Amino acid sequence: TGYLLYGAVYSSGSLIEYDPSQPYDDQSITRSRNPRHLHGEGEARDRYGRPHTVLAHPDGRHVLMGGMAARVLTGGAILIYDTRTGEETVLDRDDLLADQGPYAMAALPGGDVVVGTTTGASTGGAAVATAATLYRIDWQTKTMAQQWTLDPPTRAIIDLVVPEDGLVYGLTSDNRFFVLDPARGEFVHDEEVADYGGVTGGQARRTMAIGPDGGIYVLFREAIARFEPGSFEHREIVRPGPTISAGIAIAGGRLYFACGPRLFSYDLSLVER
């Protein structure tokens, strides 16, 4: 999608597009020219009014947004938006897992999308499902093709990344780091990680990112850790002192994260090889 930024809005379930090269139009999102309102409100509130994940598809033209209903209902939906034509495809809760909400997404090398879910319910609702699930969306048919469940079960899969090896690396709400081989349909690694504090992140748990060195950087409340694709080994990179509350972004060789209202960054060139 070039230099445009896409974001999701609570509780309207809106998808917005922002061009940082143009002046910011300080109006409500439905009237603003930049950011521009692309989709949302109405039925979107009960589909992904509590958005948790946004993914820029590697085809360079589609943006996916997923989440739960804003209130009461369990489960949620995924919007697939074509940034060139404005065409919208909605995978509703009946097309996915009715009682589980999309919580994290990552694209596989062939273009299929892997989704991690949460069993939690929106405000005023009650959880029904007992085990969060990973499932694969076939990009050609836009349908759910496969699904996998961790054993023992977990309440939520909070983030996913897919590095060059094509494996799916993920983190759960109960501090488990796992690796799925989607070609074999098997989990090849699953461990509890307790050395860096609890998992962190807000409503959209963006806590994992692939660095320029190919390593997977993960935010925890007390420290930043680096996980090695292939060997699955991990080590502490830095402890900033204040509690890490949100993130993650890597740009210009620096890793950006938040500690409450303060924005921090770490120079990844300092990481020992």
C-alpha atoms as a PDB file:
ATOM      1  CA  THR A   1       0.000   0.000   0.000  1.00  0.00           C
ATOM      2  CA  GLY A   2       2.965   2.353  -0.435  1.00  0.00           C
ATOM      3  CA  TYR A   3       3.320   5.131   2.106  1.00  0.00           C
ATOM      4  CA  LEU A   4      -0.287   5.127   3.277  1.00  0.00           C
ATOM      5  CA  LEU A   5      -1.207   4.109   6.819  1.00  0.00           C
ATOM      6  CA  TYR A   6      -4.321   2.120   7.711  1.00  0.00           C
ATOM      7  CA  GLY A   7      -5.950   1.948  11.115  1.00  0.00           C
ATOM      8  CA  ALA A   8      -8.985   0.522  12.896  1.00  0.00           C
ATOM      9  CA  VAL A   9     -11.327   2.504  15.131  1.00  0.00           C
ATOM     10  CA  TYR A  10     -13.175   1.420  18.263  1.00  0.00           C
ATOM     11  CA  SER A  11     -16.180   1.153  18.588  1.00  0.00           C
ATOM     12  CA  SER A  12     -17.494   1.929  15.100  1.00  0.00           C
ATOM     13  CA  GLY A  13     -15.461  -0.843  13.472  1.00  0.00           C
ATOM     14  CA  SER A  14     -14.122   1.727  11.033  1.00  0.00           C
ATOM     15  CA  LEU A  15     -11.171   1.294   8.704  1.00  0.00           C
ATOM     16  CA  ILE A  16      -9.359   4.550   7.965  1.00  0.00           C
ATOM     17  CA  GLU A  17      -6.622   5.515   5.529  1.00  0.00           C
ATOM     18  CA  TYR A  18      -4.046   8.201   6.354  1.00  0.00           C
ATOM     19  CA  ASP A  19      -1.584   9.821   3.960  1.00  0.00           C
ATOM     20  CA  PRO A  20       1.267  11.269   6.104  1.00  0.00           C
ATOM     21  CA  SER A  21       2.492  13.362   3.159  1.00  0.00           C
ATOM     22  CA  GLN A  22      -0.725  15.412   3.195  1.00  0.00           C
ATOM     23  CA  PRO A  23      -2.094  17.824   5.828  1.00  0.00           C
ATOM     24  CA  TYR A  24      -4.009  16.266   8.697  1.00  0.00           C
ATOM     25  CA  ASP A  25      -7.712  17.156   8.606  1.00  0.00           C
ATOM     26  CA  ASP A  26      -8.757  17.557  12.236  1.00  0.00           C
ATOM     27  CA  GLN A  27     -12.423  16.543  11.977  1.00  0.00           C
ATOM     28  CA  SER A  28     -14.472  13.502  12.921  1.00  0.00           C
ATOM     29  CA  ILE A  29     -13.404  10.413  11.001  1.00  0.00           C
ATOM     30  CA  THR A  30     -16.555  10.301   8.886  1.00  0.00           C
ATOM     31  CA  ARG A  31     -16.004  13.879   7.604  1.00  0.00           C
ATOM     32  CA  SER A  32     -12.241  14.070   7.528  1.00  0.00           C
ATOM     33  CA  ARG A  33     -10.444  14.060   4.180  1.00  0.00           C
ATOM     34  CA  ASN A  34      -7.178  12.836   5.747  1.00  0.00           C
ATOM     35  CA  PRO A  35      -7.490  10.409   7.440  1.00  0.00           C
ATOM     36  CA  ARG A  36     -10.189   9.119   5.118  1.00  0.00           C
ATOM     37  CA  HIS A  37     -13.031   6.910   6.322  1.00  0.00           C
ATOM     38  CA  LEU A  38     -13.210   3.764   4.175  1.00  0.00           C
ATOM     39  CA  HIS A  39     -15.580   1.439   6.009  1.00  0.00           C
ATOM     40  CA  GLY A  40     -17.453   1.157   9.279  1.00  0.00           C
ATOM     41  CA  GLU A  41     -20.379   1.987  11.561  1.00  0.00           C
ATOM     42  CA  GLY A  42     -23.774   0.271  11.216  1.00  0.00           C
ATOM     43  CA  GLU A  43     -23.342  -3.511  11.002  1.00  0.00           C
ATOM     44  CA  ALA A  44     -19.585  -3.104  11.466  1.00  0.00           C
ATOM     45  CA  ARG A  45     -20.132  -2.460  15.200  1.00  0.00           C
ATOM     46  CA  ASP A  46     -21.384  -6.023  15.689  1.00  0.00           C
ATOM     47  CA  ARG A  47     -18.709  -7.507  13.449  1.00  0.00           C
ATOM     48  CA  TYR A  48     -15.451  -5.829  14.498  1.00  0.00           C
ATOM     49  CA  GLY A  49     -16.525  -2.845  16.585  1.00  0.00           C
ATOM     50  CA  ARG A  50     -13.734  -3.870  18.943  1.00  0.00           C
ATOM     51  CA  PRO A  51     -10.931  -4.249  16.384  1.00  0.00           C
ATOM     52  CA  HIS A  52      -7.839  -6.161  17.448  1.00  0.00           C
ATOM     53  CA  THR A  53      -5.758  -6.703  14.342  1.00  0.00           C
ATOM     54  CA  VAL A  54      -4.961  -5.066  10.996  1.00  0.00           C
ATOM     55  CA  LEU A  55      -2.819  -6.671   8.302  1.00  0.00           C
ATOM     56  CA  ALA A  56      -1.412  -5.215   5.079  1.00  0.00           C
ATOM     57  CA  HIS A  57      -1.523  -8.193   2.733  1.00  0.00           C
ATOM     58  CA  PRO A  58       1.733  -8.834   0.829  1.00  0.00           C
ATOM     59  CA  ASP A  59      -0.105  -8.480  -2.511  1.00  0.00           C
ATOM     60  CA  GLY A  60       0.261  -4.723  -1.968  1.00  0.00           C
ATOM     61  CA  ARG A  61      -3.398  -3.850  -2.436  1.00  0.00           C
ATOM     62  CA  HIS A  62      -5.544  -5.476   0.275  1.00  0.00           C
ATOM     63  CA  VAL A  63      -5.880  -4.553   3.945  1.00  0.00           C
ATOM     64  CA  LEU A  64      -7.507  -6.904   6.443  1.00  0.00           C
ATOM     65  CA  MET A  65      -9.143  -5.812   9.704  1.00  0.00           C
ATOM     66  CA  GLY A  66     -10.445  -8.232  12.323  1.00  0.00           C
ATOM     67  CA  GLY A  67     -11.931  -8.122  15.774  1.00  0.00           C
ATOM     68  CA  MET A  68     -14.946  -8.690  17.980  1.00  0.00           C
ATOM     69  CA  ALA A  69     -18.308  -7.045  18.353  1.00  0.00           C
ATOM     70  CA  ALA A  70     -18.222  -3.776  20.279  1.00  0.00           C
ATOM     71  CA  ARG A  71     -20.675  -5.016  22.902  1.00  0.00           C
ATOM     72  CA  VAL A  72     -22.226  -8.229  24.288  1.00  0.00           C
ATOM     73  CA  LEU A  73     -21.804 -10.613  21.338  1.00  0.00           C
ATOM     74  CA  THR A  74     -19.122 -13.286  21.207  1.00  0.00           C
ATOM     75  CA  GLY A  75     -16.971 -13.875  18.174  1.00  0.00           C
ATOM     76  CA  GLY A  76     -16.262 -11.462  15.375  1.00  0.00           C
ATOM     77  CA  ALA A  77     -15.468 -10.998  11.714  1.00  0.00           C
ATOM     78  CA  ILE A  78     -12.768 -10.012   9.230  1.00  0.00           C
ATOM     79  CA  LEU A  79     -12.957  -7.282   6.587  1.00  0.00           C
ATOM     80  CA  ILE A  80     -10.869  -7.623   3.419  1.00  0.00           C
ATOM     81  CA  TYR A  81     -10.615  -4.223   1.731  1.00  0.00           C
ATOM     82  CA  ASP A  82      -9.224  -3.643  -1.765  1.00  0.00           C
ATOM     83  CA  THR A  83      -7.389  -0.309  -1.590  1.00  0.00           C
ATOM     84  CA  ARG A  84      -7.405   0.074  -5.400  1.00  0.00           C
ATOM     85  CA  THR A  85     -11.084  -0.538  -6.124  1.00  0.00           C
ATOM     86  CA  GLY A  86     -12.775  -0.057  -2.738  1.00  0.00           C
ATOM     87  CA  GLU A  87     -14.289  -3.549  -2.967  1.00  0.00           C
ATOM     88  CA  GLU A  88     -15.192  -4.999   0.437  1.00  0.00           C
ATOM     89  CA  THR A  89     -15.327  -8.669   1.401  1.00  0.00           C
ATOM     90  CA  VAL A  90     -16.617  -9.550   4.868  1.00  0.00           C
ATOM     91  CA  LEU A  91     -15.983 -12.921   6.478  1.00  0.00           C
ATOM     92  CA  ASP A  92     -18.642 -12.899   9.183  1.00  0.00           C
ATOM     93  CA  ARG A  93     -18.731 -14.963  12.385  1.00  0.00           C
ATOM     94  CA  ASP A  94     -20.734 -17.674  10.581  1.00  0.00           C
ATOM     95  CA  ASP A  95     -17.943 -17.922   7.986  1.00  0.00           C
ATOM     96  CA  LEU A  96     -15.269 -18.246  10.672  1.00  0.00           C
ATOM     97  CA  LEU A  97     -15.563 -19.496  14.272  1.00  0.00           C
ATOM     98  CA  ALA A  98     -18.817 -18.148  15.677  1.00  0.00           C
ATOM     99  CA  ASP A  99     -17.709 -17.871  19.328  1.00  0.00           C
ATOM    100  CA  GLN A 100     -14.106 -16.763  18.797  1.00  0.00           C
ATOM    101  CA  GLY A 101     -12.878 -13.331  17.755  1.00  0.00           C
ATOM    102  CA  PRO A 102      -9.936 -12.674  15.394  1.00  0.00           C
ATOM    103  CA  TYR A 103      -7.072 -11.396  17.558  1.00  0.00           C
ATOM    104  CA  ALA A 104      -3.910 -11.651  15.413  1.00  0.00           C
ATOM    105  CA  MET A 105      -3.109 -12.179  11.736  1.00  0.00           C
ATOM    106  CA  ALA A 106      -0.060 -12.966   9.615  1.00  0.00           C
ATOM    107  CA  ALA A 107       0.432 -13.793   5.950  1.00  0.00           C
ATOM    108  CA  LEU A 108       2.063 -17.005   4.733  1.00  0.00           C
ATOM    109  CA  PRO A 109       4.530 -16.969   1.811  1.00  0.00           C
ATOM    110  CA  GLY A 110       1.866 -18.083  -0.679  1.00  0.00           C
ATOM    111  CA  GLY A 111      -0.583 -15.372   0.381  1.00  0.00           C
ATOM    112  CA  ASP A 112      -2.859 -17.379   2.661  1.00  0.00           C
ATOM    113  CA  VAL A 113      -3.566 -15.735   6.016  1.00  0.00           C
ATOM    114  CA  VAL A 114      -3.214 -17.338   9.445  1.00  0.00           C
ATOM    115  CA  VAL A 115      -5.514 -15.989  12.157  1.00  0.00           C
ATOM    116  CA  GLY A 116      -5.168 -16.412  15.924  1.00  0.00           C
ATOM    117  CA  THR A 117      -8.328 -16.038  18.010  1.00  0.00           C
ATOM    118  CA  THR A 118      -9.498 -15.031  21.462  1.00  0.00           C
ATOM    119  CA  THR A 119     -12.192 -16.815  23.444  1.00  0.00           C
ATOM    120  CA  GLY A 120     -13.032 -13.638  25.347  1.00  0.00           C
ATOM    121  CA  ALA A 121     -16.334 -11.843  24.998  1.00  0.00           C
ATOM    122  CA  SER A 122     -17.056  -8.178  24.484  1.00  0.00           C
ATOM    123  CA  THR A 123     -18.280  -5.945  27.303  1.00  0.00           C
ATOM    124  CA  GLY A 124     -21.505  -7.374  28.687  1.00  0.00           C
ATOM    125  CA  GLY A 125     -21.006 -10.745  27.050  1.00  0.00           C
ATOM    126  CA  ALA A 126     -19.989 -14.181  28.327  1.00  0.00           C
ATOM    127  CA  ALA A 127     -17.295 -16.428  26.859  1.00  0.00           C
ATOM    128  CA  VAL A 128     -18.528 -19.622  25.205  1.00  0.00           C
ATOM    129  CA  ALA A 129     -15.446 -21.199  23.610  1.00  0.00           C
ATOM    130  CA  THR A 130     -12.798 -22.719  25.880  1.00  0.00           C
ATOM    131  CA  ALA A 131      -9.765 -22.889  23.586  1.00  0.00           C
ATOM    132  CA  ALA A 132      -8.300 -20.259  21.276  1.00  0.00           C
ATOM    133  CA  THR A 133      -7.647 -21.472  17.749  1.00  0.00           C
ATOM    134  CA  LEU A 134      -5.351 -20.865  14.812  1.00  0.00           C
ATOM    135  CA  TYR A 135      -6.963 -21.089  11.409  1.00  0.00           C
ATOM    136  CA  ARG A 136      -5.892 -20.568   7.834  1.00  0.00           C
ATOM    137  CA  ILE A 137      -7.803 -18.481   5.310  1.00  0.00           C
ATOM    138  CA  ASP A 138      -7.363 -19.628   1.724  1.00  0.00           C
ATOM    139  CA  TRP A 139      -6.567 -16.388  -0.115  1.00  0.00           C
ATOM    140  CA  GLN A 140      -8.000 -17.570  -3.419  1.00  0.00           C
ATOM    141  CA  THR A 141     -11.396 -18.649  -2.082  1.00  0.00           C
ATOM    142  CA  LYS A 142     -11.503 -16.363   1.002  1.00  0.00           C
ATOM    143  CA  THR A 143     -12.677 -19.300   3.104  1.00  0.00           C
ATOM    144  CA  MET A 144     -11.413 -20.966   6.280  1.00  0.00           C
ATOM    145  CA  ALA A 145      -9.362 -23.952   5.160  1.00  0.00           C
ATOM    146  CA  GLN A 146      -7.664 -25.456   8.238  1.00  0.00           C
ATOM    147  CA  GLN A 147      -7.600 -24.988  11.995  1.00  0.00           C
ATOM    148  CA  TRP A 148      -5.313 -25.967  14.856  1.00  0.00           C
ATOM    149  CA  THR A 149      -5.690 -25.815  18.652  1.00  0.00           C
ATOM    150  CA  LEU A 150      -2.855 -25.688  21.180  1.00  0.00           C
ATOM    151  CA  ASP A 151      -2.665 -28.425  23.812  1.00  0.00           C
ATOM    152  CA  PRO A 152      -3.100 -27.531  26.608  1.00  0.00           C
ATOM    153  CA  PRO A 153      -5.583 -24.883  25.466  1.00  0.00           C
ATOM    154  CA  THR A 154      -5.045 -21.154  25.839  1.00  0.00           C
ATOM    155  CA  ARG A 155      -7.499 -18.252  26.159  1.00  0.00           C
ATOM    156  CA  ALA A 156      -6.033 -16.023  23.456  1.00  0.00           C
ATOM    157  CA  ILE A 157      -3.350 -15.927  20.761  1.00  0.00           C
ATOM    158  CA  ILE A 158      -2.152 -12.360  20.968  1.00  0.00           C
ATOM    159  CA  ASP A 159       0.316 -12.005  18.093  1.00  0.00           C
ATOM    160  CA  LEU A 160       1.769 -13.863  15.106  1.00  0.00           C
ATOM    161  CA  VAL A 161       4.681 -13.391  12.710  1.00  0.00           C
ATOM    162  CA  VAL A 162       5.951 -15.418   9.750  1.00  0.00           C
ATOM    163  CA  PRO A 163       9.677 -15.009   8.991  1.00  0.00           C
ATOM    164  CA  GLU A 164      11.501 -16.315   5.922  1.00  0.00           C
ATOM    165  CA  ASP A 165      11.349 -19.957   7.038  1.00  0.00           C
ATOM    166  CA  GLY A 166       7.553 -19.944   6.508  1.00  0.00           C
ATOM    167  CA  LEU A 167       6.770 -21.149  10.026  1.00  0.00           C
ATOM    168  CA  VAL A 168       4.200 -19.357  12.166  1.00  0.00           C
ATOM    169  CA  TYR A 169       5.631 -17.956  15.413  1.00  0.00           C
ATOM    170  CA  GLY A 170       3.132 -16.876  18.056  1.00  0.00           C
ATOM    171  CA  LEU A 171       2.589 -15.694  21.597  1.00  0.00           C
ATOM    172  CA  THR A 172      -0.368 -16.468  23.861  1.00  0.00           C
ATOM    173  CA  SER A 173      -2.039 -14.568  26.669  1.00  0.00           C
ATOM    174  CA  ASP A 174      -0.521 -16.995  29.204  1.00  0.00           C
ATOM    175  CA  ASN A 175       3.091 -16.303  28.137  1.00  0.00           C
ATOM    176  CA  ARG A 176       3.529 -19.261  25.811  1.00  0.00           C
ATOM    177  CA  PHE A 177       5.770 -19.006  22.789  1.00  0.00           C
ATOM    178  CA  PHE A 178       4.826 -21.500  20.074  1.00  0.00           C
ATOM    179  CA  VAL A 179       5.760 -22.387  16.516  1.00  0.00           C
ATOM    180  CA  LEU A 180       3.416 -23.958  13.954  1.00  0.00           C
ATOM    181  CA  ASP A 181       4.549 -25.660  10.771  1.00  0.00           C
ATOM    182  CA  PRO A 182       1.509 -24.977   8.528  1.00  0.00           C
ATOM    183  CA  ALA A 183       2.728 -27.332   5.794  1.00  0.00           C
ATOM    184  CA  ARG A 184       2.730 -30.303   8.195  1.00  0.00           C
ATOM    185  CA  GLY A 185      -0.120 -28.976  10.315  1.00  0.00           C
ATOM    186  CA  GLU A 186       1.908 -29.547  13.491  1.00  0.00           C
ATOM    187  CA  PHE A 187       3.151 -27.484  16.398  1.00  0.00           C
ATOM    188  CA  VAL A 188       6.935 -27.918  16.468  1.00  0.00           C
ATOM    189  CA  HIS A 189       7.571 -25.841  19.583  1.00  0.00           C
ATOM    190  CA  ASP A 190       5.594 -24.736  22.648  1.00  0.00           C
ATOM    191  CA  GLU A 191       7.089 -23.322  25.845  1.00  0.00           C
ATOM    192  CA  GLU A 192       6.182 -20.985  28.664  1.00  0.00           C
ATOM    193  CA  VAL A 193       8.418 -17.911  28.748  1.00  0.00           C
ATOM    194  CA  ALA A 194       8.734 -16.448  32.225  1.00  0.00           C
ATOM    195  CA  ASP A 195      12.048 -14.545  32.205  1.00  0.00           C
ATOM    196  CA  TYR A 196      10.881 -11.226  30.788  1.00  0.00           C
ATOM    197  CA  GLY A 197       7.687 -10.442  32.682  1.00  0.00           C
ATOM    198  CA  GLY A 198       4.108 -10.925  31.543  1.00  0.00           C
ATOM    199  CA  VAL A 199       2.794 -10.325  28.054  1.00  0.00           C
ATOM    200  CA  THR A 200       1.988  -6.733  27.250  1.00  0.00           C
ATOM    201  CA  GLY A 201       0.089  -4.640  24.716  1.00  0.00           C
ATOM    202  CA  GLY A 202      -3.288  -2.943  24.628  1.00  0.00           C
ATOM    203  CA  GLN A 203      -6.460  -3.789  22.771  1.00  0.00           C
ATOM    204  CA  ALA A 204      -4.357  -4.572  19.696  1.00  0.00           C
ATOM    205  CA  ARG A 205      -1.507  -6.702  21.000  1.00  0.00           C
ATOM    206  CA  ARG A 206       1.236  -5.779  18.550  1.00  0.00           C
ATOM    207  CA  THR A 207       4.175  -7.255  20.469  1.00  0.00           C
ATOM    208  CA  MET A 208       6.183  -9.212  17.863  1.00  0.00           C
ATOM    209  CA  ALA A 209       8.144  -7.966  14.856  1.00  0.00           C
ATOM    210  CA  ILE A 210      10.836  -9.281  12.531  1.00  0.00           C
ATOM    211  CA  GLY A 211      14.012  -7.221  12.685  1.00  0.00           C
ATOM    212  CA  PRO A 212      16.406  -6.310   9.855  1.00  0.00           C
ATOM    213  CA  ASP A 213      18.715  -9.094  11.105  1.00  0.00           C
ATOM    214  CA  GLY A 214      15.958 -11.704  10.648  1.00  0.00           C
ATOM    215  CA  GLY A 215      15.429 -12.154  14.370  1.00  0.00           C
ATOM    216  CA  ILE A 216      12.006 -11.983  16.018  1.00  0.00           C
ATOM    217  CA  TYR A 217      11.784  -9.197  18.595  1.00  0.00           C
ATOM    218  CA  VAL A 218       9.141  -9.550  21.282  1.00  0.00           C
ATOM    219  CA  LEU A 219       7.918  -7.045  23.853  1.00  0.00           C
ATOM    220  CA  PHE A 220       7.165  -8.185  27.393  1.00  0.00           C
ATOM    221  CA  ARG A 221       6.243  -5.976  30.323  1.00  0.00           C
ATOM    222  CA  GLU A 222       9.762  -5.962  31.781  1.00  0.00           C
ATOM    223  CA  ALA A 223      12.086  -6.583  28.838  1.00  0.00           C
ATOM    224  CA  ILE A 224      12.578  -6.889  25.097  1.00  0.00           C
ATOM    225  CA  ALA A 225      13.645 -10.336  23.952  1.00  0.00           C
ATOM    226  CA  ARG A 226      15.032 -11.709  20.695  1.00  0.00           C
ATOM    227  CA  PHE A 227      13.832 -15.104  19.452  1.00  0.00           C
ATOM    228  CA  GLU A 228      15.848 -17.004  16.864  1.00  0.00           C
ATOM    229  CA  PRO A 229      13.957 -18.558  13.932  1.00  0.00           C
ATOM    230  CA  GLY A 230      14.917 -22.182  13.433  1.00  0.00           C
ATOM    231  CA  SER A 231      16.493 -22.877  16.824  1.00  0.00           C
ATOM    232  CA  PHE A 232      13.639 -21.167  18.784  1.00  0.00           C
ATOM    233  CA  GLU A 233      16.214 -19.965  21.338  1.00  0.00           C
ATOM    234  CA  HIS A 234      15.638 -16.603  22.975  1.00  0.00           C
ATOM    235  CA  ARG A 235      17.522 -14.070  25.063  1.00  0.00           C
ATOM    236  CA  GLU A 236      17.018 -10.720  26.706  1.00  0.00           C
ATOM    237  CA  ILE A 237      18.049  -7.652  24.728  1.00  0.00           C
ATOM    238  CA  VAL A 238      17.300  -4.814  27.134  1.00  0.00           C
ATOM    239  CA  ARG A 239      15.269  -3.858  30.197  1.00  0.00           C
ATOM    240  CA  PRO A 240      14.156  -0.250  29.819  1.00  0.00           C
ATOM    241  CA  GLY A 241      13.161   0.172  33.486  1.00  0.00           C
ATOM    242  CA  PRO A 242       9.602   1.469  33.107  1.00  0.00           C
ATOM    243  CA  THR A 243       6.921  -1.098  32.335  1.00  0.00           C
ATOM    244  CA  ILE A 244       6.501  -1.701  28.608  1.00  0.00           C
ATOM    245  CA  SER A 245       2.853  -1.112  27.769  1.00  0.00           C
ATOM    246  CA  ALA A 246       2.504  -1.146  23.972  1.00  0.00           C
ATOM    247  CA  GLY A 247       4.241  -1.386  20.619  1.00  0.00           C
ATOM    248  CA  ILE A 248       5.777  -2.565  18.337  1.00  0.00           C
ATOM    249  CA  ALA A 249       7.354  -0.914  15.293  1.00  0.00           C
ATOM    250  CA  ILE A 250      10.759  -1.231  13.653  1.00  0.00           C
ATOM    251  CA  ALA A 251      11.947   1.557  11.350  1.00  0.00           C
ATOM    252  CA  GLY A 252      15.348   2.890  10.391  1.00  0.00           C
ATOM    253  CA  GLY A 253      17.115   0.245  12.448  1.00  0.00           C
ATOM    254  CA  ARG A 254      15.340   1.226  15.665  1.00  0.00           C
ATOM    255  CA  LEU A 255      12.642  -0.601  17.613  1.00  0.00           C
ATOM    256  CA  TYR A 256       9.874   1.662  18.949  1.00  0.00           C
ATOM    257  CA  PHE A 257       7.640   0.926  21.935  1.00  0.00           C
ATOM    258  CA  ALA A 258       5.673   2.729  24.613  1.00  0.00           C
ATOM    259  CA  CYS A 259       5.957   2.820  28.380  1.00  0.00           C
ATOM    260  CA  GLY A 260       2.713   4.453  29.406  1.00  0.00           C
ATOM    261  CA  PRO A 261       2.573   7.947  27.820  1.00  0.00           C
ATOM    262  CA  ARG A 262       6.255   7.919  26.811  1.00  0.00           C
ATOM    263  CA  LEU A 263       7.638   6.723  23.485  1.00  0.00           C
ATOM    264  CA  PHE A 264      10.940   4.849  23.619  1.00  0.00           C
ATOM    265  CA  SER A 265      13.224   3.421  20.962  1.00  0.00           C
ATOM    266  CA  TYR A 266      16.153   1.021  20.957  1.00  0.00           C
ATOM    267  CA  ASP A 267      19.009   0.954  18.448  1.00  0.00           C
ATOM    268  CA  LEU A 268      19.036  -2.589  17.044  1.00  0.00           C
ATOM    269  CA  SER A 269      22.635  -2.177  15.877  1.00  0.00           C
ATOM    270  CA  LEU A 270      23.568  -2.635  19.554  1.00  0.00           C
ATOM    271  CA  VAL A 271      22.267  -6.206  19.540  1.00  0.00           C
ATOM    272  CA  GLU A 272      25.162  -8.655  19.775  1.00  0.00           C
ATOM    273  CA  ARG A 273      25.293 -11.214  16.989  1.00  0.00           C
END
